[in-house]
Protein backbone atom coordinates (compact mmCIF):
# COMPACT_ATOMS: atom_id res chain seq x y z
CA UNK A 1 146.90 87.58 90.57
CA UNK A 2 148.92 85.28 93.02
CA UNK A 3 147.84 82.04 94.24
CA UNK A 4 146.54 78.85 91.55
CA UNK A 5 143.98 78.35 89.27
CA UNK A 6 142.15 75.91 91.73
CA UNK A 7 142.70 78.41 95.09
CA UNK A 8 139.18 79.55 95.39
CA UNK A 9 138.29 75.96 95.74
CA UNK A 10 140.10 76.67 99.82
CA UNK A 11 136.72 78.48 100.31
CA UNK A 12 133.59 76.00 101.05
CA UNK A 13 130.96 78.57 100.03
CA UNK A 14 132.51 78.99 96.74
CA UNK A 15 133.21 75.18 96.16
CA UNK A 16 129.43 74.75 97.22
CA UNK A 17 128.05 77.10 94.96
CA UNK A 18 130.26 76.30 92.37
CA UNK A 19 128.85 72.47 92.12
CA UNK A 20 125.27 73.33 92.62
CA UNK A 21 125.83 75.71 89.32
CA UNK A 22 127.45 73.34 87.88
CA UNK A 23 124.50 70.70 88.12
CA UNK A 24 122.20 73.67 86.74
CA UNK A 25 124.87 74.79 83.91
CA UNK A 26 124.72 70.66 82.52
CA UNK A 27 120.75 71.02 82.91
CA UNK A 28 120.78 74.00 81.02
CA UNK A 29 122.82 72.96 78.13
CA UNK A 30 120.09 69.54 77.94
CA UNK A 31 117.64 71.97 77.38
CA UNK A 32 119.60 74.11 74.56
CA UNK A 33 120.13 71.03 72.92
CA UNK A 34 116.86 70.45 73.13
CA UNK A 35 115.22 73.31 72.26
CA UNK A 36 117.65 73.41 69.30
CA UNK A 37 117.05 70.36 67.64
CA UNK A 38 113.10 70.59 68.15
CA UNK A 39 112.92 73.85 66.35
CA UNK A 40 114.74 71.77 63.70
CA UNK A 41 111.90 69.86 63.53
CA UNK A 42 109.22 71.87 63.76
CA UNK A 43 110.56 74.32 61.65
CA UNK A 44 114.14 74.16 59.94
CA UNK A 45 114.50 77.29 57.97
CA UNK A 46 118.15 78.82 59.52
CA UNK A 47 115.92 82.19 60.62
CA UNK A 48 113.68 79.93 63.10
CA UNK A 49 116.74 77.86 64.32
CA UNK A 50 118.53 81.18 65.06
CA UNK A 51 116.05 82.40 66.54
CA UNK A 52 116.17 79.77 69.41
CA UNK A 53 119.60 81.48 70.11
CA UNK A 54 118.12 84.82 69.73
CA UNK A 55 115.16 83.88 72.17
CA UNK A 56 117.72 82.93 74.93
CA UNK A 57 119.54 86.17 74.74
CA UNK A 58 117.33 88.90 74.01
CA UNK A 59 115.72 88.96 77.45
CA UNK A 60 119.12 89.05 79.17
CA UNK A 61 119.38 92.53 76.91
CA UNK A 62 115.88 93.69 77.78
CA UNK A 63 115.95 92.90 81.41
CA UNK A 64 119.64 93.12 82.59
CA UNK A 65 119.29 96.40 83.81
CA UNK A 66 116.62 96.41 85.83
CA UNK A 67 118.10 93.02 86.95
CA UNK A 68 121.11 94.56 88.06
CA UNK A 69 119.52 97.50 89.62
CA UNK A 70 117.49 94.69 91.93
CA UNK A 71 120.97 92.94 92.57
CA UNK A 72 122.20 96.06 94.06
CA UNK A 73 119.01 97.02 95.85
CA UNK A 74 118.17 93.90 97.55
CA UNK A 75 119.74 90.96 99.05
CA UNK A 76 121.42 89.02 95.93
CA UNK A 77 121.23 85.21 97.64
CA UNK A 78 117.18 86.24 97.94
CA UNK A 79 116.58 87.44 94.71
CA UNK A 80 118.55 84.19 93.50
CA UNK A 81 116.18 81.44 95.05
CA UNK A 82 113.57 83.29 93.99
CA UNK A 83 114.78 83.09 90.29
CA UNK A 84 115.95 79.50 90.92
CA UNK A 85 112.38 78.32 91.71
CA UNK A 86 110.54 80.61 89.45
CA UNK A 87 112.87 78.98 86.48
CA UNK A 88 112.16 75.51 87.89
CA UNK A 89 108.50 76.17 87.82
CA UNK A 90 108.53 77.17 84.14
CA UNK A 91 110.29 74.34 82.96
CA UNK A 92 108.27 71.80 85.00
CA UNK A 93 105.25 73.60 83.18
CA UNK A 94 107.21 73.30 80.18
CA UNK A 95 107.90 69.53 80.15
CA UNK A 96 103.81 69.25 80.95
CA UNK A 97 102.90 70.86 77.85
CA UNK A 98 105.51 69.08 75.85
CA UNK A 99 104.54 65.57 76.96
CA UNK A 100 100.81 66.54 75.63
CA UNK A 101 102.25 67.78 72.48
CA UNK A 102 100.63 71.09 73.08
CA UNK A 103 103.50 73.02 71.41
CA UNK A 104 104.66 74.39 67.95
CA UNK A 105 107.76 76.38 66.82
CA UNK A 106 106.13 79.96 68.64
CA UNK A 107 105.39 78.00 71.89
CA UNK A 108 109.01 76.93 72.03
CA UNK A 109 110.04 80.37 71.33
CA UNK A 110 108.03 81.53 74.13
CA UNK A 111 109.27 78.98 76.80
CA UNK A 112 112.57 79.90 75.79
CA UNK A 113 112.38 83.36 76.53
CA UNK A 114 110.71 82.85 79.57
CA UNK A 115 114.13 80.96 80.87
CA UNK A 116 116.05 83.64 79.30
CA UNK A 117 114.23 86.43 81.27
CA UNK A 118 114.51 84.05 84.80
CA UNK A 119 118.80 84.17 83.62
CA UNK A 120 118.60 88.00 82.64
CA UNK A 121 117.51 88.52 86.47
CA UNK A 122 119.70 86.00 87.89
CA UNK A 123 123.02 86.50 86.16
CA UNK A 124 124.30 90.11 87.39
CA UNK A 125 123.37 88.58 90.89
CA UNK A 126 125.29 85.21 90.22
CA UNK A 127 128.17 87.83 89.22
CA UNK A 128 128.20 90.45 92.05
CA UNK A 129 128.62 87.78 94.18
CA UNK A 130 131.83 86.09 93.33
CA UNK A 131 134.30 88.79 94.95
CA UNK A 132 132.19 88.08 98.56
CA UNK A 133 133.19 84.62 97.66
CA UNK A 134 136.79 84.69 97.62
CA UNK A 135 139.48 87.87 98.14
CA UNK A 136 140.51 89.96 95.27
CA UNK A 137 144.01 88.35 94.46
CA UNK A 138 142.50 85.02 93.14
CA UNK A 139 139.34 86.81 91.98
CA UNK A 140 140.44 86.48 88.35
CA UNK A 141 141.22 82.40 89.03
CA UNK A 142 137.31 82.48 90.45
CA UNK A 143 135.95 84.12 87.30
CA UNK A 144 137.98 81.62 85.37
CA UNK A 145 136.38 78.75 87.33
CA UNK A 146 133.39 80.43 87.19
CA UNK A 147 133.48 79.92 83.32
CA UNK A 148 135.25 76.34 83.74
CA UNK A 149 131.59 75.43 85.21
CA UNK A 150 129.75 76.68 82.67
CA UNK A 151 131.72 74.90 79.81
CA UNK A 152 132.57 71.77 81.94
CA UNK A 153 128.51 71.40 81.53
CA UNK A 154 128.53 72.49 77.96
CA UNK A 155 130.73 69.34 77.74
CA UNK A 156 128.76 67.00 79.61
CA UNK A 157 125.03 68.56 78.74
CA UNK A 158 125.19 68.39 75.08
CA UNK A 159 126.03 64.93 74.86
CA UNK A 160 124.08 63.81 77.68
CA UNK A 161 121.62 66.09 76.50
CA UNK A 162 121.34 64.29 73.33
CA UNK A 163 121.83 60.58 74.55
CA UNK A 164 119.07 61.32 76.13
CA UNK A 165 116.91 63.43 73.50
CA UNK A 166 117.41 60.09 71.01
CA UNK A 167 116.84 57.50 74.17
CA UNK A 168 114.01 59.46 76.36
CA UNK A 169 112.66 62.23 74.44
CA UNK A 170 112.32 66.17 74.78
CA UNK A 171 110.79 66.03 77.92
CA UNK A 172 112.85 64.05 80.09
CA UNK A 173 115.78 66.46 79.17
CA UNK A 174 113.14 69.61 80.33
CA UNK A 175 112.37 67.71 83.35
CA UNK A 176 115.67 67.25 84.30
CA UNK A 177 116.73 70.34 83.94
CA UNK A 178 114.02 71.92 85.80
CA UNK A 179 115.53 69.26 88.64
CA UNK A 180 118.85 70.98 88.36
CA UNK A 181 117.13 74.46 89.30
CA UNK A 182 116.25 72.71 92.60
CA UNK A 183 120.12 71.88 93.84
CA UNK A 184 121.16 75.60 93.39
CA UNK A 185 117.74 76.41 95.61
CA UNK A 186 119.27 73.86 98.16
CA UNK A 187 122.95 75.65 97.94
CA UNK A 188 121.23 78.72 98.35
CA UNK A 189 119.82 77.85 101.39
CA UNK A 190 122.48 76.31 102.91
CA UNK A 191 124.45 79.38 102.32
CA UNK A 192 123.54 81.37 105.34
CA UNK A 193 126.30 83.76 105.28
CA UNK A 194 125.43 86.35 103.09
CA UNK A 195 125.26 89.74 104.15
CA UNK A 196 124.36 92.89 102.77
CA UNK A 197 126.39 95.86 102.65
CA UNK A 198 125.44 98.63 105.84
CA UNK A 199 123.51 101.43 104.58
CA UNK A 200 122.24 104.29 106.54
CA UNK A 201 120.78 106.10 103.45
CA UNK A 202 117.54 104.97 102.17
CA UNK A 203 117.10 102.81 99.14
CA UNK A 204 117.79 103.89 95.84
CA UNK A 205 114.50 103.51 93.63
CA UNK A 206 114.76 101.50 90.59
CA UNK A 207 114.62 104.12 87.91
CA UNK A 208 116.89 106.18 89.82
CA UNK A 209 118.99 103.66 90.55
CA UNK A 210 119.14 102.13 86.98
CA UNK A 211 119.97 105.81 85.45
CA UNK A 212 122.94 105.65 88.21
CA UNK A 213 124.31 102.58 86.59
CA UNK A 214 123.73 103.73 83.42
CA UNK A 215 125.68 107.10 84.38
CA UNK A 216 128.59 105.19 85.93
CA UNK A 217 129.08 103.03 82.51
CA UNK A 218 128.83 106.37 80.17
CA UNK A 219 131.65 107.70 82.56
CA UNK A 220 133.73 105.24 83.29
CA UNK A 221 136.70 104.67 80.84
CA UNK A 222 137.78 101.42 82.31
CA UNK A 223 134.29 100.13 82.06
CA UNK A 224 133.62 101.43 78.33
CA UNK A 225 136.48 100.18 77.00
CA UNK A 226 135.79 96.90 77.72
CA UNK A 227 132.24 96.86 77.07
CA UNK A 228 133.15 98.14 73.51
CA UNK A 229 135.85 95.18 72.84
CA UNK A 230 132.93 93.02 74.22
CA UNK A 231 130.66 94.07 71.57
CA UNK A 232 133.16 93.43 68.98
CA UNK A 233 133.84 89.98 69.96
CA UNK A 234 130.56 88.56 70.47
CA UNK A 235 128.83 89.97 67.27
CA UNK A 236 131.14 87.87 65.06
CA UNK A 237 131.04 84.81 67.28
CA UNK A 238 127.65 84.82 67.79
CA UNK A 239 127.31 83.16 64.15
CA UNK A 240 128.83 79.51 65.20
CA UNK A 241 126.77 79.36 68.09
CA UNK A 242 123.41 80.45 66.24
CA UNK A 243 123.84 78.13 63.06
CA UNK A 244 125.51 75.19 65.10
CA UNK A 245 122.34 73.21 64.75
CA UNK A 246 122.27 73.44 60.91
CA UNK A 247 126.04 73.05 60.73
CA UNK A 248 125.65 69.47 62.48
CA UNK A 249 122.61 68.56 60.24
CA UNK A 250 123.39 70.01 56.88
CA UNK A 251 126.96 70.38 56.35
CA UNK A 252 127.91 67.61 58.64
CA UNK A 253 125.42 65.12 57.91
CA UNK A 254 124.82 64.95 61.30
CA UNK A 255 122.00 63.82 63.92
CA UNK A 256 121.26 65.20 67.27
CA UNK A 257 124.12 63.04 68.71
CA UNK A 258 126.79 64.92 66.42
CA UNK A 259 124.77 68.28 67.59
CA UNK A 260 125.62 67.27 71.36
CA UNK A 261 129.07 66.44 70.29
CA UNK A 262 129.85 69.70 68.76
CA UNK A 263 128.76 71.49 71.57
CA UNK A 264 130.84 69.17 73.69
CA UNK A 265 133.96 70.08 71.73
CA UNK A 266 133.14 73.53 72.33
CA UNK A 267 132.66 72.73 76.18
CA UNK A 268 135.95 70.53 75.99
CA UNK A 269 138.14 73.48 74.21
CA UNK A 270 136.83 76.02 76.88
CA UNK A 271 137.63 73.85 79.46
CA UNK A 272 141.20 73.45 78.08
CA UNK A 273 141.25 77.28 78.09
CA UNK A 274 140.21 77.93 81.18
CA UNK A 275 143.77 75.83 82.24
CA UNK A 276 145.95 77.20 79.44
CA UNK A 277 144.74 80.92 80.34
CA UNK A 278 146.42 81.50 83.57
CA UNK A 279 149.68 80.43 81.75
CA UNK A 280 149.03 82.61 78.69
CA UNK A 281 148.19 86.02 81.42
CA UNK A 282 152.03 85.20 82.23
CA UNK A 283 153.07 86.07 79.17
CA UNK A 284 150.81 88.16 77.41
CA UNK A 285 148.25 91.14 78.50
CA UNK A 286 144.76 90.93 78.19
CA UNK A 287 144.34 92.92 75.06
CA UNK A 288 146.77 90.64 73.59
CA UNK A 289 145.08 87.50 74.62
CA UNK A 290 141.48 88.68 73.38
CA UNK A 291 143.80 89.55 70.10
CA UNK A 292 144.45 85.95 70.13
CA UNK A 293 140.77 84.68 71.02
CA UNK A 294 139.31 86.75 68.31
CA UNK A 295 141.55 85.28 65.72
CA UNK A 296 140.54 81.57 67.04
CA UNK A 297 136.86 82.37 66.90
CA UNK A 298 137.08 83.68 63.15
CA UNK A 299 139.23 80.64 62.50
CA UNK A 300 136.50 78.31 64.10
CA UNK A 301 134.08 79.70 61.83
CA UNK A 302 135.83 79.26 58.77
CA UNK A 303 136.72 75.40 59.74
CA UNK A 304 132.67 75.13 60.21
CA UNK A 305 131.94 76.93 57.11
CA UNK A 306 134.47 74.74 54.96
CA UNK A 307 135.18 71.41 57.02
CA UNK A 308 133.07 68.90 55.71
CA UNK A 309 134.16 65.86 58.31
CA UNK A 310 133.16 64.95 61.24
CA UNK A 311 136.73 65.46 62.37
CA UNK A 312 137.21 69.02 61.38
CA UNK A 313 134.11 69.93 63.02
CA UNK A 314 135.25 68.98 66.35
CA UNK A 315 138.34 70.40 65.62
CA UNK A 316 136.59 73.89 64.99
CA UNK A 317 134.76 73.30 68.22
CA UNK A 318 137.71 72.91 70.37
CA UNK A 319 139.31 75.97 68.77
CA UNK A 320 136.16 77.80 69.15
CA UNK A 321 136.11 76.80 73.00
CA UNK A 322 139.32 77.90 74.17
CA UNK A 323 138.83 81.38 72.28
CA UNK A 324 135.19 81.68 73.89
CA UNK A 325 136.31 81.04 77.34
CA UNK A 326 139.82 82.57 76.97
CA UNK A 327 137.94 85.99 75.50
CA UNK A 328 134.25 85.76 78.36
CA UNK A 329 136.99 85.36 80.91
CA UNK A 330 139.34 88.38 79.88
CA UNK A 331 136.26 90.62 79.43
CA UNK A 332 134.14 89.52 82.88
CA UNK A 333 137.56 89.86 84.65
CA UNK A 334 138.35 93.38 83.17
CA UNK A 335 134.84 94.69 83.77
CA UNK A 336 134.73 93.33 87.64
CA UNK A 337 137.55 95.27 88.42
CA UNK A 338 136.12 98.66 86.93
CA UNK A 339 133.43 98.21 89.29
CA UNK A 340 133.18 99.65 93.13
CA UNK A 341 130.61 97.55 95.15
CA UNK A 342 127.91 99.90 95.23
CA UNK A 343 127.09 99.66 91.41
CA UNK A 344 128.65 96.45 90.80
CA UNK A 345 125.67 94.29 89.67
CA UNK A 346 124.65 97.45 87.27
CA UNK A 347 128.06 97.58 86.04
CA UNK A 348 127.55 93.38 85.32
CA UNK A 349 124.45 93.87 84.08
CA UNK A 350 125.49 96.26 81.61
CA UNK A 351 128.27 93.88 80.46
CA UNK A 352 125.35 91.25 79.71
CA UNK A 353 123.30 93.66 78.19
CA UNK A 354 125.95 94.18 75.72
CA UNK A 355 127.11 90.75 75.69
CA UNK A 356 123.66 89.00 75.11
CA UNK A 357 122.47 91.99 72.93
CA UNK A 358 125.55 91.51 70.41
CA UNK A 359 124.66 87.61 70.46
CA UNK A 360 121.12 88.47 69.90
CA UNK A 361 121.81 90.64 66.77
CA UNK A 362 124.37 88.68 65.70
CA UNK A 363 122.14 85.71 65.64
CA UNK A 364 119.07 87.12 63.87
CA UNK A 365 121.76 88.42 61.24
CA UNK A 366 123.86 85.92 60.53
CA UNK A 367 120.58 83.90 60.18
CA UNK A 368 119.06 85.89 57.62
CA UNK A 369 122.19 86.30 56.10
CA UNK A 370 122.60 82.24 56.22
CA UNK A 371 119.40 82.10 54.33
CA UNK A 372 120.41 84.04 51.84
CA UNK A 373 123.92 83.45 50.87
CA UNK A 374 123.98 80.31 52.07
CA UNK A 375 125.22 78.81 55.48
CA UNK A 376 129.30 78.23 54.77
CA UNK A 377 129.16 82.00 53.34
CA UNK A 378 127.43 83.34 56.55
CA UNK A 379 130.25 81.53 58.72
CA UNK A 380 132.93 82.62 56.66
CA UNK A 381 131.66 86.21 56.76
CA UNK A 382 131.23 86.31 60.24
CA UNK A 383 134.64 84.82 60.38
CA UNK A 384 136.55 87.59 58.28
CA UNK A 385 134.47 90.68 59.86
CA UNK A 386 136.28 89.37 63.31
CA UNK A 387 139.79 89.68 62.11
CA UNK A 388 138.44 93.11 60.11
CA UNK A 389 137.31 94.30 63.96
CA UNK A 390 140.80 93.33 65.95
CA UNK A 391 142.64 96.39 64.12
CA UNK A 392 139.68 98.22 64.70
CA UNK A 393 139.44 97.73 68.36
CA UNK A 394 142.51 97.62 69.15
CA UNK A 395 142.92 101.11 70.85
CA UNK A 396 140.23 99.91 73.67
CA UNK A 397 142.26 98.76 76.26
CA UNK A 398 141.10 95.91 78.86
CA UNK A 399 142.30 95.94 82.52
CA UNK A 400 142.16 99.73 83.19
CA UNK A 401 140.57 99.58 86.62
CA UNK A 402 142.96 96.74 87.84
CA UNK A 403 144.77 98.58 90.38
CA UNK A 404 142.27 101.11 91.53
CA UNK A 405 141.01 100.69 95.11
CA UNK A 406 137.31 101.23 94.86
CA UNK A 407 136.71 100.91 98.72
CA UNK A 408 134.29 103.87 100.26
CA UNK A 409 137.52 106.51 101.80
CA UNK A 410 135.07 108.17 104.09
CA UNK A 411 137.20 111.14 103.62
CA UNK A 412 134.37 113.80 102.41
CA UNK A 413 132.87 115.06 105.57
CA UNK A 414 128.99 115.36 106.30
CA UNK A 415 127.67 119.07 105.06
CA UNK A 416 126.45 121.02 108.17
CA UNK A 417 123.34 122.47 107.16
CA UNK A 418 121.31 125.54 108.93
CA UNK A 419 117.97 123.85 108.39
CA UNK A 420 116.65 120.72 107.79
CA UNK A 421 116.84 119.32 104.36
CA UNK A 422 114.34 116.53 102.90
CA UNK A 423 116.24 113.60 101.23
CA UNK A 424 114.13 114.68 97.71
CA UNK A 425 114.99 118.39 97.91
CA UNK A 426 116.90 119.47 94.89
CA UNK A 427 118.71 119.86 92.65
CA UNK A 428 121.93 120.66 94.76
CA UNK A 429 124.72 122.90 93.41
CA UNK A 430 127.87 122.06 95.24
CA UNK A 431 130.84 124.72 94.16
CA UNK A 432 134.74 124.46 95.20
CA UNK A 433 137.11 127.58 94.78
CA UNK A 434 141.03 126.87 94.08
CA UNK A 435 144.18 128.82 94.08
CA UNK A 436 146.32 127.47 91.41
CA UNK A 437 149.89 129.31 90.69
CA UNK A 438 150.18 129.81 86.85
CA UNK A 439 153.43 127.06 86.67
CA UNK A 440 150.57 124.68 87.99
CA UNK A 441 147.86 125.12 85.30
CA UNK A 442 148.80 122.73 82.92
CA UNK A 443 148.79 120.33 85.79
CA UNK A 444 145.46 121.52 87.47
CA UNK A 445 143.71 121.28 83.97
CA UNK A 446 144.39 117.21 83.38
CA UNK A 447 143.56 116.84 87.05
CA UNK A 448 140.22 118.71 86.86
CA UNK A 449 139.16 116.56 83.48
CA UNK A 450 139.81 113.59 85.44
CA UNK A 451 137.45 114.71 88.30
CA UNK A 452 134.51 115.91 86.34
CA UNK A 453 134.32 112.40 84.76
CA UNK A 454 134.82 111.07 88.45
CA UNK A 455 132.01 113.40 89.53
CA UNK A 456 129.79 112.26 86.34
CA UNK A 457 130.03 109.08 87.23
CA UNK A 458 128.91 109.02 91.18
CA UNK A 459 126.13 111.60 90.41
CA UNK A 460 126.44 114.67 89.25
CA UNK A 461 123.87 115.76 86.42
CA UNK A 462 125.93 118.99 85.25
CA UNK A 463 130.23 119.63 85.92
CA UNK A 464 132.07 122.48 85.05
CA UNK A 465 135.32 124.17 86.43
CA UNK A 466 135.99 128.15 85.33
CA UNK A 467 138.64 130.57 86.12
CA UNK A 468 137.64 134.25 87.81
CA UNK A 469 138.39 136.80 85.08
CA UNK A 470 138.89 139.71 87.92
CA UNK A 471 140.67 137.24 90.19
CA UNK A 472 144.01 136.10 88.44
CA UNK A 473 144.08 132.27 90.12
CA UNK A 474 141.07 131.65 91.35
CA UNK A 475 139.39 128.85 89.89
CA UNK A 476 135.82 127.77 90.72
CA UNK A 477 134.42 124.31 90.28
CA UNK A 478 130.58 123.54 90.29
CA UNK A 479 128.44 120.09 89.75
CA UNK A 480 124.57 119.65 90.25
CA UNK A 481 123.66 116.90 91.75
CA UNK A 482 119.46 116.09 91.47
CA UNK A 483 118.53 115.66 94.84
CA UNK A 484 120.22 116.28 98.66
CA UNK A 485 120.26 112.50 98.65
CA UNK A 486 121.95 111.93 95.81
CA UNK A 487 124.40 113.84 97.26
CA UNK A 488 124.63 112.32 100.14
CA UNK A 489 125.49 109.19 98.30
CA UNK A 490 128.12 110.34 96.53
CA UNK A 491 129.51 111.53 100.24
CA UNK A 492 128.93 107.48 100.29
CA UNK A 493 130.86 106.37 97.09
CA UNK A 494 133.90 108.38 97.11
CA UNK A 495 136.71 105.58 96.81
CA UNK A 496 140.36 105.32 97.85
CA UNK A 497 140.92 105.83 94.34
CA UNK A 498 139.11 109.31 94.17
CA UNK A 499 140.69 110.48 97.13
CA UNK A 500 144.32 109.64 95.52
CA UNK A 501 143.49 112.40 92.44
CA UNK A 502 141.76 114.58 95.20
CA UNK A 503 144.67 114.90 96.95
CA UNK A 504 146.83 115.55 94.47
CA UNK A 505 144.13 118.55 93.29
CA UNK A 506 144.55 119.89 96.84
CA UNK A 507 148.29 119.86 97.13
CA UNK A 508 148.36 122.50 94.06
CA UNK A 509 145.85 124.93 95.81
CA UNK A 510 148.02 127.64 97.17
CA UNK A 511 145.62 129.06 99.23
CA UNK A 512 146.23 129.69 103.24
CA UNK A 513 143.16 127.71 103.79
CA UNK A 514 142.11 124.40 102.21
CA UNK A 515 140.09 124.76 98.93
CA UNK A 516 136.31 126.45 100.15
CA UNK A 517 133.41 124.26 99.57
CA UNK A 518 129.60 125.78 99.10
CA UNK A 519 126.40 123.67 99.08
CA UNK A 520 123.47 125.32 97.61
CA UNK A 521 119.74 123.94 97.07
CA UNK A 522 116.74 125.21 95.26
CA UNK A 523 114.69 127.68 97.66
CA UNK A 524 111.14 126.87 98.83
CA UNK A 525 109.13 129.14 100.63
CA UNK A 526 108.93 128.67 104.19
CA UNK A 527 112.91 127.07 104.21
CA UNK A 528 115.01 129.69 104.58
CA UNK A 529 118.14 127.60 103.45
CA UNK A 530 121.62 128.94 102.52
CA UNK A 531 124.67 127.89 101.00
CA UNK A 532 127.33 127.28 103.75
CA UNK A 533 130.59 127.73 102.92
CA UNK A 534 132.86 124.79 105.01
CA UNK A 535 136.17 123.82 104.66
CA UNK A 536 136.20 120.04 103.84
CA UNK A 537 137.30 118.58 100.33
CA UNK A 538 134.26 117.31 98.08
């Protein structure tokens, strides 16, 4: 990354949206303090308290993928407008019920779940618009600042929420959170520069778009490695987030204000982490930063478990905040650079699914463990597990896609056909023929394995390559896609990085003409289509 940590603020749209989301994040953390503490009064068991965190995280796990697909298929600005307005409406309704004493523990969990649903449908779109607001060379700083917004809010919101909760009651904090969403609505209404990427092909349908997102994640090595590392970190770090109200109440013998202070310490630590992270990046790889962050999260859990003084709790919060921001920013950047724009929201949604899925499982699991073996031992166990997972996950590397150019290359020629083919017609079989010298077989085999991953990632439902037993040195690549439209989308998605790989393969081809390409579709009555040989490079 070039530039400074504050370079994104040179861009007006980024600055306005950042300020608006900061206001909204403050309101959200005020609501989190309220819901967590109200639950300790309605049903103070560790499992029920941990379910507040789970009710926030579970909707993102359940709905992130369709939300990501919507974020890629529709205008992201409009999607964000609708989600923010609906979130405000839900919170106004909850404030009304709260003012009439019309809630119990399950009603609290229901509205916490509904706010999580709104967040689930907004989060992928928020993340996906960041690369459109700043140049790529400062994208990492924009991601860090996005995390800073959340954590400044974490530093201010909990303390402010705890104070307002103690002075004015839960209704006031919920109402202020509802109003904070309206600030985001105002910023999005002001932002009229958003445009959708031109696409001459019909819009994907939601189920197909979701399948394409999952297929990309399964076959993208940079994204898959990032997801493994994310799950390992969040399954452990979820413990101190889920059990923090009980840490404040039982271990430190505090009140709502102390709970707010501990959350504020986590937020201050995260802001400090944001300032330290650019310096750390100059001296350490992303993998080492994540290892250090994991060790810090483990130390935080252990200090919460056995630090019986308020000062120790605050120190644990600071360490936990630094570790959390360092991990989240590193993992988020690794996800962003692994994604082309056509699948960006879906890829980020899958990252969110892993994050909040791990948080949900971890929150419920550590809450149950705390109920069986006690709060301190549960926190200690989460810390020790985090340390154990460091060497286990070390082989999964971050930022593998950082230097890949995912810009569409447009180097595939449009296939010519002898008759009209409907977009839904399929499946489609594509074949390519190569002539490879014996001396190049090893290199060809290795490159084709890489190409197979790309074919599947971008839409192939089957792929393989074979050697002709009757014609030495002749190799045939085949891949199949589910429809003609799906193959046209492959043409649109092939990237500059893919072109580099395909050029290397073409350089090994020893034929007098480029590799021969044919397209064939399933025959149908009255539609006499034939495979048409072409000389372009698929």
